[in-house]
Amino acid sequence: MGHDLRNPIGAVSAGLRMLSQDGTDARRAAILIPEMQRSLTRANQIITNLMDFARGRLGGGIEIVAPRPVDLDPVFRGVANEISQFSTQPIECMIDLPQQIRADPMWLGQLLSNLLGNAVTHGEPGKPIRLEAMTRDGMLRVAVTNQGEPIADADKASLFQPVSRGRDTESLQGLGRGLYIASEIARAHDGRIDLESSVSGSTTFAFTMPARR
C-alpha cells in the first residue's frame, strides 16, 4: 500500500514545499491547492480500494462494476502531473485520446500511477520517461518507457506476482506489488500488460484493453 500511496502523498508534499516558499503568489496557490486536494482524494480512494482488495472483498480480483464512458485524457495527464511533482526525470506525454472509452477512471489512474511510479524508481535519474496513450484498431494502448538497467529474462515472469521473486532483489524492490495490482486492474478491464526490456537500457510496460465506447 505504501508503494501506491507514495505518488499522491509525494505530490502533496511537493505542493506544500512550493507554498511555503517566499514569493508564492495567490495565482500560483490557486493552482497548487486544487491539485493537492485531488491528490488527497486519490490517496483516500487508494486506501479504500486496496483495503478491500487485500481483504478479498473483490472476489479474488478487482471487479469493475458498471464502467462508464469517460474521457481518459485528463485522468492520465493528471496522474503524470502528480508524479512529475517529485520526479527527477521529466515525463514526456504523448496522449491522443479524442473519444471516450468505457472504463473505470479511478482504477486506470491507479494502473498508470503504478507504471509511472516504477519508471521513476527504477529509471536512470535525469533521463526522460515517455508516456504514450492512444487508440488503434479498436484497442486502447498505454505505454510507459524508461531508461536504465534492463530487466533480466529470468526475472520477468515473476514481476506480476504479489511479491517479486527476481534474482536482483535490491534493484527490483517494491516492483512486484505495484505491477501485480496494475495487472489485476488490466485483467478486470479485459486487458493485459506486456513488458519489453532491451539490453540497450530501454524498458517499456504496455497496457492494452478493448476501446469500448
N, C-alpha and C. Protein backbone atom coordinates (compact mmCIF):
# COMPACT_ATOMS: atom_id res chain seq x y z
N MET A 1 0.83 -1.20 0.00
CA MET A 1 0.00 0.00 0.00
C MET A 1 0.87 1.26 0.00
N GLY A 2 2.01 1.20 0.72
CA GLY A 2 2.88 2.36 0.76
C GLY A 2 3.38 2.74 -0.61
N HIS A 3 3.65 1.71 -1.45
CA HIS A 3 4.12 1.97 -2.81
C HIS A 3 3.09 2.77 -3.59
N ASP A 4 1.80 2.44 -3.44
CA ASP A 4 0.75 3.10 -4.19
C ASP A 4 0.46 4.50 -3.67
N LEU A 5 0.59 4.70 -2.35
CA LEU A 5 0.30 5.99 -1.76
C LEU A 5 1.42 6.99 -1.95
N ARG A 6 2.62 6.50 -2.27
CA ARG A 6 3.77 7.39 -2.36
C ARG A 6 3.56 8.49 -3.39
N ASN A 7 2.91 8.18 -4.52
CA ASN A 7 2.77 9.17 -5.58
C ASN A 7 1.88 10.35 -5.18
N PRO A 8 0.62 10.12 -4.74
CA PRO A 8 -0.19 11.29 -4.35
C PRO A 8 0.36 12.01 -3.12
N ILE A 9 0.92 11.28 -2.16
CA ILE A 9 1.47 11.95 -0.98
C ILE A 9 2.70 12.76 -1.36
N GLY A 10 3.52 12.22 -2.27
CA GLY A 10 4.68 12.97 -2.74
C GLY A 10 4.28 14.25 -3.44
N ALA A 11 3.17 14.20 -4.20
CA ALA A 11 2.70 15.40 -4.88
C ALA A 11 2.23 16.45 -3.88
N VAL A 12 1.53 16.02 -2.84
CA VAL A 12 1.08 16.96 -1.80
C VAL A 12 2.28 17.57 -1.09
N SER A 13 3.27 16.74 -0.79
CA SER A 13 4.48 17.23 -0.12
C SER A 13 5.19 18.28 -0.98
N ALA A 14 5.29 18.01 -2.28
CA ALA A 14 5.93 18.98 -3.18
C ALA A 14 5.13 20.28 -3.23
N GLY A 15 3.80 20.16 -3.25
CA GLY A 15 2.97 21.36 -3.27
C GLY A 15 3.13 22.19 -2.01
N LEU A 16 3.22 21.52 -0.86
CA LEU A 16 3.41 22.25 0.40
C LEU A 16 4.75 22.97 0.42
N ARG A 17 5.78 22.33 -0.13
CA ARG A 17 7.09 22.99 -0.18
C ARG A 17 7.03 24.25 -1.03
N MET A 18 6.32 24.16 -2.16
CA MET A 18 6.20 25.33 -3.03
C MET A 18 5.43 26.45 -2.34
N LEU A 19 4.35 26.08 -1.63
CA LEU A 19 3.54 27.09 -0.96
C LEU A 19 4.30 27.76 0.19
N SER A 20 5.24 27.03 0.78
CA SER A 20 5.99 27.57 1.92
C SER A 20 7.12 28.50 1.49
N GLN A 21 7.42 28.51 0.20
CA GLN A 21 8.50 29.37 -0.28
C GLN A 21 8.05 30.82 -0.31
N ASP A 22 8.98 31.69 -0.02
CA ASP A 22 8.68 33.12 -0.08
C ASP A 22 8.38 33.52 -1.52
N GLY A 23 7.42 34.38 -1.68
CA GLY A 23 7.11 34.90 -3.00
C GLY A 23 6.04 34.13 -3.74
N THR A 24 5.45 33.08 -3.11
CA THR A 24 4.36 32.36 -3.76
C THR A 24 3.13 33.25 -3.82
N ASP A 25 2.67 33.56 -5.03
CA ASP A 25 1.55 34.49 -5.16
C ASP A 25 0.22 33.74 -5.13
N ALA A 26 -0.85 34.51 -5.06
CA ALA A 26 -2.19 33.93 -4.95
C ALA A 26 -2.55 33.12 -6.19
N ARG A 27 -2.08 33.54 -7.35
CA ARG A 27 -2.41 32.81 -8.58
C ARG A 27 -1.77 31.43 -8.57
N ARG A 28 -0.52 31.35 -8.13
CA ARG A 28 0.15 30.05 -8.04
C ARG A 28 -0.52 29.17 -7.00
N ALA A 29 -0.89 29.76 -5.87
CA ALA A 29 -1.57 29.00 -4.82
C ALA A 29 -2.91 28.47 -5.31
N ALA A 30 -3.60 29.25 -6.13
CA ALA A 30 -4.90 28.83 -6.65
C ALA A 30 -4.77 27.62 -7.57
N ILE A 31 -3.60 27.42 -8.15
CA ILE A 31 -3.34 26.25 -8.99
C ILE A 31 -2.93 25.06 -8.13
N LEU A 32 -2.05 25.31 -7.16
CA LEU A 32 -1.49 24.23 -6.36
C LEU A 32 -2.52 23.59 -5.42
N ILE A 33 -3.33 24.40 -4.79
CA ILE A 33 -4.25 23.87 -3.77
C ILE A 33 -5.25 22.87 -4.37
N PRO A 34 -5.92 23.17 -5.50
CA PRO A 34 -6.81 22.15 -6.08
C PRO A 34 -6.07 20.88 -6.48
N GLU A 35 -4.82 21.01 -6.98
CA GLU A 35 -4.05 19.82 -7.33
C GLU A 35 -3.77 18.98 -6.10
N MET A 36 -3.44 19.62 -4.99
CA MET A 36 -3.20 18.90 -3.74
C MET A 36 -4.47 18.23 -3.25
N GLN A 37 -5.60 18.91 -3.39
CA GLN A 37 -6.87 18.32 -2.97
C GLN A 37 -7.20 17.08 -3.80
N ARG A 38 -6.93 17.14 -5.11
CA ARG A 38 -7.17 15.97 -5.95
C ARG A 38 -6.26 14.81 -5.56
N SER A 39 -5.01 15.12 -5.21
CA SER A 39 -4.08 14.08 -4.79
C SER A 39 -4.53 13.42 -3.50
N LEU A 40 -5.02 14.22 -2.55
CA LEU A 40 -5.50 13.66 -1.29
C LEU A 40 -6.75 12.81 -1.51
N THR A 41 -7.62 13.25 -2.40
CA THR A 41 -8.81 12.45 -2.72
C THR A 41 -8.41 11.11 -3.32
N ARG A 42 -7.41 11.13 -4.20
CA ARG A 42 -6.97 9.88 -4.82
C ARG A 42 -6.30 8.98 -3.78
N ALA A 43 -5.56 9.57 -2.84
CA ALA A 43 -4.95 8.77 -1.78
C ALA A 43 -6.02 8.07 -0.95
N ASN A 44 -7.10 8.77 -0.66
CA ASN A 44 -8.20 8.17 0.10
C ASN A 44 -8.84 7.03 -0.69
N GLN A 45 -9.01 7.23 -2.01
CA GLN A 45 -9.57 6.17 -2.85
C GLN A 45 -8.65 4.95 -2.87
N ILE A 46 -7.35 5.20 -2.92
CA ILE A 46 -6.38 4.10 -2.94
C ILE A 46 -6.49 3.29 -1.66
N ILE A 47 -6.57 3.97 -0.51
CA ILE A 47 -6.65 3.27 0.77
C ILE A 47 -7.90 2.39 0.81
N THR A 48 -9.04 2.97 0.43
CA THR A 48 -10.30 2.22 0.47
C THR A 48 -10.25 1.00 -0.44
N ASN A 49 -9.81 1.21 -1.68
CA ASN A 49 -9.82 0.11 -2.64
C ASN A 49 -8.77 -0.95 -2.35
N LEU A 50 -7.60 -0.54 -1.90
CA LEU A 50 -6.57 -1.53 -1.61
C LEU A 50 -6.89 -2.32 -0.34
N MET A 51 -7.57 -1.70 0.61
CA MET A 51 -8.01 -2.46 1.79
C MET A 51 -9.03 -3.52 1.38
N ASP A 52 -9.96 -3.14 0.52
CA ASP A 52 -10.93 -4.12 0.02
C ASP A 52 -10.22 -5.23 -0.75
N PHE A 53 -9.25 -4.84 -1.56
CA PHE A 53 -8.52 -5.81 -2.36
C PHE A 53 -7.75 -6.78 -1.47
N ALA A 54 -7.08 -6.25 -0.44
CA ALA A 54 -6.28 -7.08 0.46
C ALA A 54 -7.15 -8.03 1.26
N ARG A 55 -8.35 -7.61 1.60
CA ARG A 55 -9.24 -8.44 2.41
C ARG A 55 -10.01 -9.46 1.57
N GLY A 56 -9.83 -9.42 0.28
CA GLY A 56 -10.51 -10.38 -0.58
C GLY A 56 -11.96 -10.06 -0.82
N ARG A 57 -12.38 -8.81 -0.56
CA ARG A 57 -13.78 -8.46 -0.75
C ARG A 57 -14.18 -8.40 -2.21
N LEU A 58 -13.18 -8.37 -3.09
CA LEU A 58 -13.49 -8.25 -4.50
C LEU A 58 -13.47 -9.61 -5.20
N GLY A 59 -13.60 -10.68 -4.43
CA GLY A 59 -13.77 -12.00 -5.02
C GLY A 59 -12.54 -12.53 -5.71
N GLY A 60 -11.37 -12.33 -5.16
CA GLY A 60 -10.16 -12.88 -5.74
C GLY A 60 -9.56 -12.01 -6.82
N GLY A 61 -10.08 -10.84 -7.01
CA GLY A 61 -9.53 -9.94 -8.02
C GLY A 61 -10.28 -8.63 -7.99
N ILE A 62 -9.88 -7.70 -8.83
CA ILE A 62 -10.53 -6.41 -8.90
C ILE A 62 -11.73 -6.50 -9.83
N GLU A 63 -12.87 -6.08 -9.35
CA GLU A 63 -14.09 -6.13 -10.14
C GLU A 63 -14.51 -4.72 -10.51
N ILE A 64 -14.71 -4.50 -11.79
CA ILE A 64 -15.17 -3.21 -12.28
C ILE A 64 -16.69 -3.29 -12.43
N VAL A 65 -17.39 -2.50 -11.65
CA VAL A 65 -18.85 -2.53 -11.67
C VAL A 65 -19.36 -1.39 -12.55
N ALA A 66 -20.10 -1.75 -13.60
CA ALA A 66 -20.74 -0.77 -14.49
C ALA A 66 -19.79 0.33 -14.94
N PRO A 67 -18.72 -0.02 -15.67
CA PRO A 67 -17.84 1.04 -16.18
C PRO A 67 -18.62 1.95 -17.12
N ARG A 68 -18.23 3.21 -17.14
CA ARG A 68 -18.96 4.20 -17.93
C ARG A 68 -18.03 4.85 -18.95
N PRO A 69 -18.58 5.42 -20.01
CA PRO A 69 -17.72 6.14 -20.96
C PRO A 69 -17.08 7.35 -20.29
N VAL A 70 -15.78 7.44 -20.36
CA VAL A 70 -15.06 8.54 -19.71
C VAL A 70 -13.99 9.09 -20.64
N ASP A 71 -13.64 10.34 -20.40
CA ASP A 71 -12.54 10.98 -21.10
C ASP A 71 -11.27 10.71 -20.30
N LEU A 72 -10.41 9.85 -20.81
CA LEU A 72 -9.22 9.44 -20.07
C LEU A 72 -8.05 10.42 -20.22
N ASP A 73 -8.14 11.35 -21.16
CA ASP A 73 -7.05 12.30 -21.36
C ASP A 73 -6.74 13.07 -20.07
N PRO A 74 -7.73 13.73 -19.43
CA PRO A 74 -7.40 14.46 -18.19
C PRO A 74 -7.01 13.53 -17.04
N VAL A 75 -7.53 12.31 -17.03
CA VAL A 75 -7.15 11.35 -15.99
C VAL A 75 -5.66 11.04 -16.09
N PHE A 76 -5.20 10.70 -17.28
CA PHE A 76 -3.80 10.33 -17.47
C PHE A 76 -2.87 11.53 -17.29
N ARG A 77 -3.27 12.69 -17.81
CA ARG A 77 -2.43 13.88 -17.64
C ARG A 77 -2.35 14.29 -16.18
N GLY A 78 -3.45 14.12 -15.44
CA GLY A 78 -3.43 14.45 -14.02
C GLY A 78 -2.48 13.56 -13.24
N VAL A 79 -2.47 12.27 -13.55
CA VAL A 79 -1.55 11.35 -12.88
C VAL A 79 -0.10 11.70 -13.22
N ALA A 80 0.16 11.96 -14.51
CA ALA A 80 1.52 12.31 -14.93
C ALA A 80 1.99 13.60 -14.24
N ASN A 81 1.11 14.58 -14.14
CA ASN A 81 1.46 15.84 -13.47
C ASN A 81 1.73 15.61 -11.99
N GLU A 82 0.93 14.75 -11.37
CA GLU A 82 1.10 14.44 -9.95
C GLU A 82 2.48 13.85 -9.69
N ILE A 83 2.88 12.89 -10.52
CA ILE A 83 4.15 12.21 -10.30
C ILE A 83 5.32 13.11 -10.68
N SER A 84 5.13 13.98 -11.66
CA SER A 84 6.23 14.86 -12.06
C SER A 84 6.60 15.86 -10.97
N GLN A 85 5.71 16.04 -9.98
CA GLN A 85 5.99 16.99 -8.90
C GLN A 85 7.21 16.58 -8.07
N PHE A 86 7.49 15.26 -8.01
CA PHE A 86 8.62 14.82 -7.19
C PHE A 86 9.61 13.96 -7.97
N SER A 87 9.42 13.83 -9.27
CA SER A 87 10.31 13.01 -10.09
C SER A 87 11.53 13.81 -10.52
N THR A 88 12.69 13.15 -10.53
CA THR A 88 13.90 13.78 -11.06
C THR A 88 14.00 13.59 -12.57
N GLN A 89 13.11 12.77 -13.13
CA GLN A 89 13.10 12.54 -14.56
C GLN A 89 11.91 13.28 -15.18
N PRO A 90 12.14 13.99 -16.27
CA PRO A 90 11.00 14.62 -16.95
C PRO A 90 10.09 13.56 -17.55
N ILE A 91 8.79 13.81 -17.53
CA ILE A 91 7.81 12.89 -18.10
C ILE A 91 7.27 13.50 -19.39
N GLU A 92 7.54 12.83 -20.50
CA GLU A 92 7.09 13.29 -21.81
C GLU A 92 5.77 12.61 -22.15
N CYS A 93 4.71 13.40 -22.28
CA CYS A 93 3.38 12.85 -22.53
C CYS A 93 3.01 12.96 -24.00
N MET A 94 2.65 11.85 -24.59
CA MET A 94 2.12 11.80 -25.95
C MET A 94 0.77 11.10 -25.87
N ILE A 95 -0.27 11.89 -25.60
CA ILE A 95 -1.60 11.35 -25.36
C ILE A 95 -2.53 11.81 -26.48
N ASP A 96 -3.15 10.87 -27.14
CA ASP A 96 -4.08 11.16 -28.23
C ASP A 96 -5.32 10.30 -28.04
N LEU A 97 -6.25 10.81 -27.24
CA LEU A 97 -7.47 10.07 -26.90
C LEU A 97 -8.67 10.98 -27.14
N PRO A 98 -9.04 11.19 -28.39
CA PRO A 98 -10.12 12.14 -28.69
C PRO A 98 -11.51 11.65 -28.32
N GLN A 99 -11.69 10.34 -28.11
CA GLN A 99 -13.01 9.81 -27.82
C GLN A 99 -13.06 9.16 -26.45
N GLN A 100 -14.25 9.12 -25.88
CA GLN A 100 -14.43 8.49 -24.59
C GLN A 100 -14.32 6.97 -24.71
N ILE A 101 -13.90 6.35 -23.60
CA ILE A 101 -13.73 4.90 -23.55
C ILE A 101 -14.45 4.39 -22.30
N ARG A 102 -15.11 3.26 -22.42
CA ARG A 102 -15.84 2.69 -21.29
C ARG A 102 -14.85 2.02 -20.34
N ALA A 103 -14.67 2.60 -19.16
CA ALA A 103 -13.68 2.10 -18.21
C ALA A 103 -13.94 2.70 -16.84
N ASP A 104 -13.17 2.26 -15.86
CA ASP A 104 -13.22 2.84 -14.52
C ASP A 104 -12.04 3.81 -14.40
N PRO A 105 -12.28 5.12 -14.38
CA PRO A 105 -11.17 6.08 -14.41
C PRO A 105 -10.29 6.03 -13.17
N MET A 106 -10.87 5.73 -12.00
CA MET A 106 -10.05 5.66 -10.80
C MET A 106 -9.04 4.52 -10.89
N TRP A 107 -9.52 3.35 -11.31
CA TRP A 107 -8.62 2.20 -11.38
C TRP A 107 -7.57 2.37 -12.49
N LEU A 108 -7.97 2.93 -13.64
CA LEU A 108 -6.97 3.13 -14.69
C LEU A 108 -5.97 4.21 -14.29
N GLY A 109 -6.42 5.21 -13.53
CA GLY A 109 -5.47 6.18 -13.00
C GLY A 109 -4.47 5.51 -12.06
N GLN A 110 -4.96 4.55 -11.26
CA GLN A 110 -4.06 3.82 -10.36
C GLN A 110 -3.09 2.95 -11.14
N LEU A 111 -3.58 2.31 -12.20
CA LEU A 111 -2.69 1.50 -13.04
C LEU A 111 -1.55 2.35 -13.60
N LEU A 112 -1.91 3.51 -14.17
CA LEU A 112 -0.88 4.38 -14.74
C LEU A 112 0.06 4.90 -13.65
N SER A 113 -0.48 5.23 -12.49
CA SER A 113 0.36 5.70 -11.39
C SER A 113 1.39 4.66 -11.01
N ASN A 114 0.98 3.39 -10.96
CA ASN A 114 1.92 2.32 -10.63
C ASN A 114 3.01 2.19 -11.69
N LEU A 115 2.62 2.25 -12.96
CA LEU A 115 3.61 2.12 -14.03
C LEU A 115 4.59 3.29 -14.04
N LEU A 116 4.06 4.51 -13.89
CA LEU A 116 4.95 5.68 -13.85
C LEU A 116 5.81 5.68 -12.59
N GLY A 117 5.22 5.27 -11.46
CA GLY A 117 5.99 5.21 -10.23
C GLY A 117 7.16 4.24 -10.33
N ASN A 118 6.93 3.11 -10.99
CA ASN A 118 8.01 2.15 -11.20
C ASN A 118 9.09 2.73 -12.10
N ALA A 119 8.66 3.47 -13.13
CA ALA A 119 9.63 4.07 -14.04
C ALA A 119 10.49 5.11 -13.33
N VAL A 120 9.88 5.88 -12.44
CA VAL A 120 10.63 6.87 -11.66
C VAL A 120 11.63 6.18 -10.74
N THR A 121 11.17 5.12 -10.07
CA THR A 121 12.01 4.43 -9.09
C THR A 121 13.17 3.69 -9.74
N HIS A 122 12.91 3.04 -10.86
CA HIS A 122 13.91 2.16 -11.46
C HIS A 122 14.57 2.74 -12.70
N GLY A 123 14.11 3.90 -13.16
CA GLY A 123 14.71 4.52 -14.33
C GLY A 123 15.98 5.28 -13.97
N GLU A 124 16.77 5.57 -14.98
CA GLU A 124 18.02 6.30 -14.76
C GLU A 124 17.71 7.76 -14.45
N PRO A 125 18.27 8.30 -13.35
CA PRO A 125 18.00 9.70 -12.99
C PRO A 125 18.36 10.65 -14.12
N GLY A 126 17.48 11.62 -14.35
CA GLY A 126 17.74 12.62 -15.37
C GLY A 126 17.29 12.24 -16.76
N LYS A 127 17.10 10.95 -17.02
CA LYS A 127 16.67 10.51 -18.34
C LYS A 127 15.14 10.57 -18.42
N PRO A 128 14.59 11.05 -19.52
CA PRO A 128 13.14 11.23 -19.60
C PRO A 128 12.38 9.91 -19.58
N ILE A 129 11.17 9.98 -19.04
CA ILE A 129 10.21 8.88 -19.07
C ILE A 129 9.16 9.24 -20.12
N ARG A 130 8.83 8.30 -20.97
CA ARG A 130 7.87 8.58 -22.04
C ARG A 130 6.55 7.87 -21.75
N LEU A 131 5.48 8.64 -21.79
CA LEU A 131 4.12 8.11 -21.64
C LEU A 131 3.39 8.27 -22.96
N GLU A 132 2.90 7.17 -23.50
CA GLU A 132 2.13 7.19 -24.73
C GLU A 132 0.76 6.57 -24.46
N ALA A 133 -0.29 7.23 -24.91
CA ALA A 133 -1.65 6.70 -24.76
C ALA A 133 -2.43 7.03 -26.02
N MET A 134 -2.97 6.00 -26.65
CA MET A 134 -3.71 6.19 -27.90
C MET A 134 -4.61 4.99 -28.15
N THR A 135 -5.54 5.16 -29.07
CA THR A 135 -6.36 4.04 -29.51
C THR A 135 -5.99 3.70 -30.95
N ARG A 136 -5.99 2.40 -31.21
CA ARG A 136 -5.65 1.93 -32.56
C ARG A 136 -6.27 0.55 -32.76
N ASP A 137 -6.95 0.39 -33.89
CA ASP A 137 -7.57 -0.90 -34.23
C ASP A 137 -8.47 -1.41 -33.12
N GLY A 138 -9.25 -0.49 -32.53
CA GLY A 138 -10.21 -0.88 -31.51
C GLY A 138 -9.62 -1.18 -30.15
N MET A 139 -8.35 -0.84 -29.93
CA MET A 139 -7.70 -1.11 -28.65
C MET A 139 -7.11 0.18 -28.07
N LEU A 140 -7.21 0.31 -26.75
CA LEU A 140 -6.50 1.36 -26.03
C LEU A 140 -5.13 0.84 -25.66
N ARG A 141 -4.09 1.62 -25.93
CA ARG A 141 -2.73 1.24 -25.56
C ARG A 141 -2.11 2.37 -24.75
N VAL A 142 -1.63 2.02 -23.57
CA VAL A 142 -0.94 2.96 -22.69
C VAL A 142 0.43 2.38 -22.38
N ALA A 143 1.48 3.06 -22.80
CA ALA A 143 2.84 2.54 -22.65
C ALA A 143 3.71 3.53 -21.87
N VAL A 144 4.49 3.00 -20.94
CA VAL A 144 5.43 3.80 -20.15
C VAL A 144 6.83 3.24 -20.38
N THR A 145 7.73 4.10 -20.84
CA THR A 145 9.10 3.68 -21.17
C THR A 145 10.10 4.49 -20.36
N ASN A 146 11.06 3.79 -19.77
CA ASN A 146 12.14 4.47 -19.05
C ASN A 146 13.48 3.90 -19.49
N GLN A 147 14.52 4.67 -19.22
CA GLN A 147 15.89 4.23 -19.49
C GLN A 147 16.52 3.77 -18.19
N GLY A 148 17.37 2.77 -18.26
CA GLY A 148 18.03 2.26 -17.07
C GLY A 148 18.46 0.82 -17.26
N GLU A 149 18.81 0.18 -16.15
CA GLU A 149 19.24 -1.21 -16.21
C GLU A 149 18.13 -2.09 -16.76
N PRO A 150 18.45 -2.95 -17.74
CA PRO A 150 17.41 -3.84 -18.28
C PRO A 150 16.98 -4.87 -17.25
N ILE A 151 15.77 -5.37 -17.41
CA ILE A 151 15.25 -6.42 -16.53
C ILE A 151 15.62 -7.77 -17.13
N ALA A 152 16.25 -8.61 -16.34
CA ALA A 152 16.71 -9.91 -16.83
C ALA A 152 15.53 -10.79 -17.20
N ASP A 153 15.73 -11.61 -18.23
CA ASP A 153 14.67 -12.52 -18.67
C ASP A 153 14.21 -13.43 -17.54
N ALA A 154 15.15 -13.84 -16.68
CA ALA A 154 14.81 -14.74 -15.58
C ALA A 154 13.89 -14.09 -14.56
N ASP A 155 13.85 -12.75 -14.54
CA ASP A 155 13.03 -12.04 -13.56
C ASP A 155 11.66 -11.65 -14.10
N LYS A 156 11.50 -11.64 -15.41
CA LYS A 156 10.28 -11.08 -16.00
C LYS A 156 9.02 -11.83 -15.58
N ALA A 157 9.09 -13.15 -15.53
CA ALA A 157 7.90 -13.95 -15.26
C ALA A 157 7.34 -13.70 -13.87
N SER A 158 8.19 -13.31 -12.92
CA SER A 158 7.74 -13.17 -11.54
C SER A 158 7.32 -11.74 -11.18
N LEU A 159 7.50 -10.80 -12.10
CA LEU A 159 7.25 -9.40 -11.75
C LEU A 159 5.79 -9.09 -11.48
N PHE A 160 4.88 -9.88 -12.05
CA PHE A 160 3.46 -9.61 -11.88
C PHE A 160 2.84 -10.44 -10.77
N GLN A 161 3.69 -11.01 -9.91
CA GLN A 161 3.22 -11.72 -8.73
C GLN A 161 3.12 -10.72 -7.57
N PRO A 162 2.35 -11.06 -6.50
CA PRO A 162 2.19 -10.11 -5.39
C PRO A 162 3.50 -9.66 -4.78
N VAL A 163 4.51 -10.54 -4.72
CA VAL A 163 5.84 -10.18 -4.24
C VAL A 163 6.84 -10.67 -5.27
N SER A 164 7.64 -9.74 -5.79
CA SER A 164 8.59 -10.12 -6.82
C SER A 164 9.63 -11.08 -6.27
N ARG A 165 9.94 -12.12 -7.06
CA ARG A 165 10.96 -13.08 -6.67
C ARG A 165 12.17 -12.99 -7.60
N GLY A 166 12.38 -11.80 -8.13
CA GLY A 166 13.51 -11.62 -9.04
C GLY A 166 14.83 -11.86 -8.34
N ARG A 167 15.83 -12.23 -9.11
CA ARG A 167 17.15 -12.50 -8.53
C ARG A 167 17.77 -11.25 -7.95
N ASP A 168 17.62 -10.14 -8.68
CA ASP A 168 18.21 -8.88 -8.22
C ASP A 168 17.21 -8.20 -7.29
N THR A 169 17.11 -8.70 -6.06
CA THR A 169 16.07 -8.24 -5.16
C THR A 169 16.23 -6.79 -4.76
N GLU A 170 17.46 -6.28 -4.73
CA GLU A 170 17.65 -4.89 -4.33
C GLU A 170 17.13 -3.94 -5.39
N SER A 171 17.48 -4.18 -6.66
CA SER A 171 17.05 -3.27 -7.71
C SER A 171 15.58 -3.42 -8.04
N LEU A 172 14.99 -4.58 -7.72
CA LEU A 172 13.59 -4.81 -8.03
C LEU A 172 12.69 -4.63 -6.82
N GLN A 173 13.24 -4.13 -5.73
CA GLN A 173 12.46 -3.98 -4.50
C GLN A 173 11.23 -3.11 -4.75
N GLY A 174 10.06 -3.60 -4.33
CA GLY A 174 8.82 -2.85 -4.46
C GLY A 174 8.17 -2.95 -5.82
N LEU A 175 8.84 -3.58 -6.78
CA LEU A 175 8.30 -3.63 -8.13
C LEU A 175 7.11 -4.56 -8.22
N GLY A 176 7.19 -5.72 -7.53
CA GLY A 176 6.18 -6.74 -7.71
C GLY A 176 4.79 -6.34 -7.31
N ARG A 177 4.61 -5.74 -6.12
CA ARG A 177 3.26 -5.45 -5.65
C ARG A 177 2.56 -4.45 -6.56
N GLY A 178 3.26 -3.38 -6.95
CA GLY A 178 2.64 -2.39 -7.82
C GLY A 178 2.25 -2.95 -9.16
N LEU A 179 3.11 -3.79 -9.73
CA LEU A 179 2.80 -4.39 -11.03
C LEU A 179 1.72 -5.45 -10.91
N TYR A 180 1.69 -6.14 -9.78
CA TYR A 180 0.63 -7.13 -9.56
C TYR A 180 -0.73 -6.44 -9.55
N ILE A 181 -0.84 -5.34 -8.79
CA ILE A 181 -2.10 -4.61 -8.74
C ILE A 181 -2.45 -4.05 -10.11
N ALA A 182 -1.45 -3.52 -10.82
CA ALA A 182 -1.69 -3.00 -12.17
C ALA A 182 -2.20 -4.09 -13.10
N SER A 183 -1.61 -5.29 -13.00
CA SER A 183 -2.03 -6.38 -13.87
C SER A 183 -3.45 -6.84 -13.54
N GLU A 184 -3.83 -6.78 -12.25
CA GLU A 184 -5.20 -7.14 -11.87
C GLU A 184 -6.20 -6.10 -12.38
N ILE A 185 -5.80 -4.82 -12.35
CA ILE A 185 -6.66 -3.77 -12.91
C ILE A 185 -6.84 -4.00 -14.41
N ALA A 186 -5.73 -4.33 -15.09
CA ALA A 186 -5.80 -4.61 -16.53
C ALA A 186 -6.73 -5.78 -16.80
N ARG A 187 -6.59 -6.85 -16.02
CA ARG A 187 -7.42 -8.04 -16.23
C ARG A 187 -8.89 -7.73 -16.02
N ALA A 188 -9.20 -6.87 -15.04
CA ALA A 188 -10.59 -6.51 -14.78
C ALA A 188 -11.20 -5.72 -15.94
N HIS A 189 -10.35 -5.11 -16.77
CA HIS A 189 -10.81 -4.38 -17.95
C HIS A 189 -10.67 -5.22 -19.22
N ASP A 190 -10.52 -6.55 -19.05
CA ASP A 190 -10.30 -7.46 -20.19
C ASP A 190 -9.04 -7.08 -20.96
N GLY A 191 -8.04 -6.60 -20.22
CA GLY A 191 -6.79 -6.18 -20.84
C GLY A 191 -5.61 -6.96 -20.31
N ARG A 192 -4.41 -6.47 -20.64
CA ARG A 192 -3.17 -7.13 -20.22
C ARG A 192 -2.05 -6.10 -20.19
N ILE A 193 -0.96 -6.47 -19.52
CA ILE A 193 0.25 -5.65 -19.51
C ILE A 193 1.40 -6.48 -20.05
N ASP A 194 2.09 -5.95 -21.04
CA ASP A 194 3.24 -6.62 -21.62
C ASP A 194 4.51 -5.85 -21.27
N LEU A 195 5.61 -6.57 -21.20
CA LEU A 195 6.90 -5.99 -20.82
C LEU A 195 7.93 -6.24 -21.91
N GLU A 196 8.63 -5.17 -22.28
CA GLU A 196 9.78 -5.28 -23.17
C GLU A 196 10.95 -4.56 -22.51
N SER A 197 12.08 -5.26 -22.37
CA SER A 197 13.26 -4.66 -21.76
C SER A 197 14.48 -5.10 -22.57
N SER A 198 15.14 -4.14 -23.19
CA SER A 198 16.23 -4.45 -24.10
C SER A 198 17.58 -4.21 -23.44
N VAL A 199 18.60 -4.83 -23.99
CA VAL A 199 19.95 -4.68 -23.45
C VAL A 199 20.46 -3.25 -23.63
N SER A 200 19.81 -2.49 -24.50
CA SER A 200 20.22 -1.09 -24.70
C SER A 200 19.80 -0.20 -23.53
N GLY A 201 18.97 -0.76 -22.62
CA GLY A 201 18.58 0.00 -21.44
C GLY A 201 17.22 0.64 -21.51
N SER A 202 16.39 0.23 -22.47
CA SER A 202 15.04 0.76 -22.59
C SER A 202 14.04 -0.28 -22.10
N THR A 203 13.19 0.11 -21.15
CA THR A 203 12.18 -0.79 -20.61
C THR A 203 10.80 -0.18 -20.80
N THR A 204 9.87 -0.96 -21.37
CA THR A 204 8.51 -0.49 -21.62
C THR A 204 7.50 -1.46 -21.03
N PHE A 205 6.59 -0.91 -20.23
CA PHE A 205 5.41 -1.64 -19.78
C PHE A 205 4.23 -1.08 -20.57
N ALA A 206 3.53 -1.95 -21.31
CA ALA A 206 2.44 -1.51 -22.17
C ALA A 206 1.13 -2.19 -21.77
N PHE A 207 0.14 -1.37 -21.45
CA PHE A 207 -1.20 -1.85 -21.10
C PHE A 207 -2.10 -1.71 -22.32
N THR A 208 -2.85 -2.77 -22.63
CA THR A 208 -3.81 -2.72 -23.73
C THR A 208 -5.15 -3.28 -23.25
N MET A 209 -6.23 -2.71 -23.77
CA MET A 209 -7.58 -3.17 -23.47
C MET A 209 -8.50 -2.77 -24.61
N PRO A 210 -9.64 -3.44 -24.75
CA PRO A 210 -10.59 -3.03 -25.79
C PRO A 210 -11.08 -1.60 -25.56
N ALA A 211 -11.10 -0.81 -26.62
CA ALA A 211 -11.52 0.59 -26.51
C ALA A 211 -13.03 0.68 -26.74
N ARG A 212 -13.77 0.11 -25.80
CA ARG A 212 -15.23 0.13 -25.92
C ARG A 212 -15.76 1.52 -25.63
N ARG A 213 -16.84 1.86 -26.31
CA ARG A 213 -17.46 3.16 -26.10
C ARG A 213 -18.91 3.00 -25.64
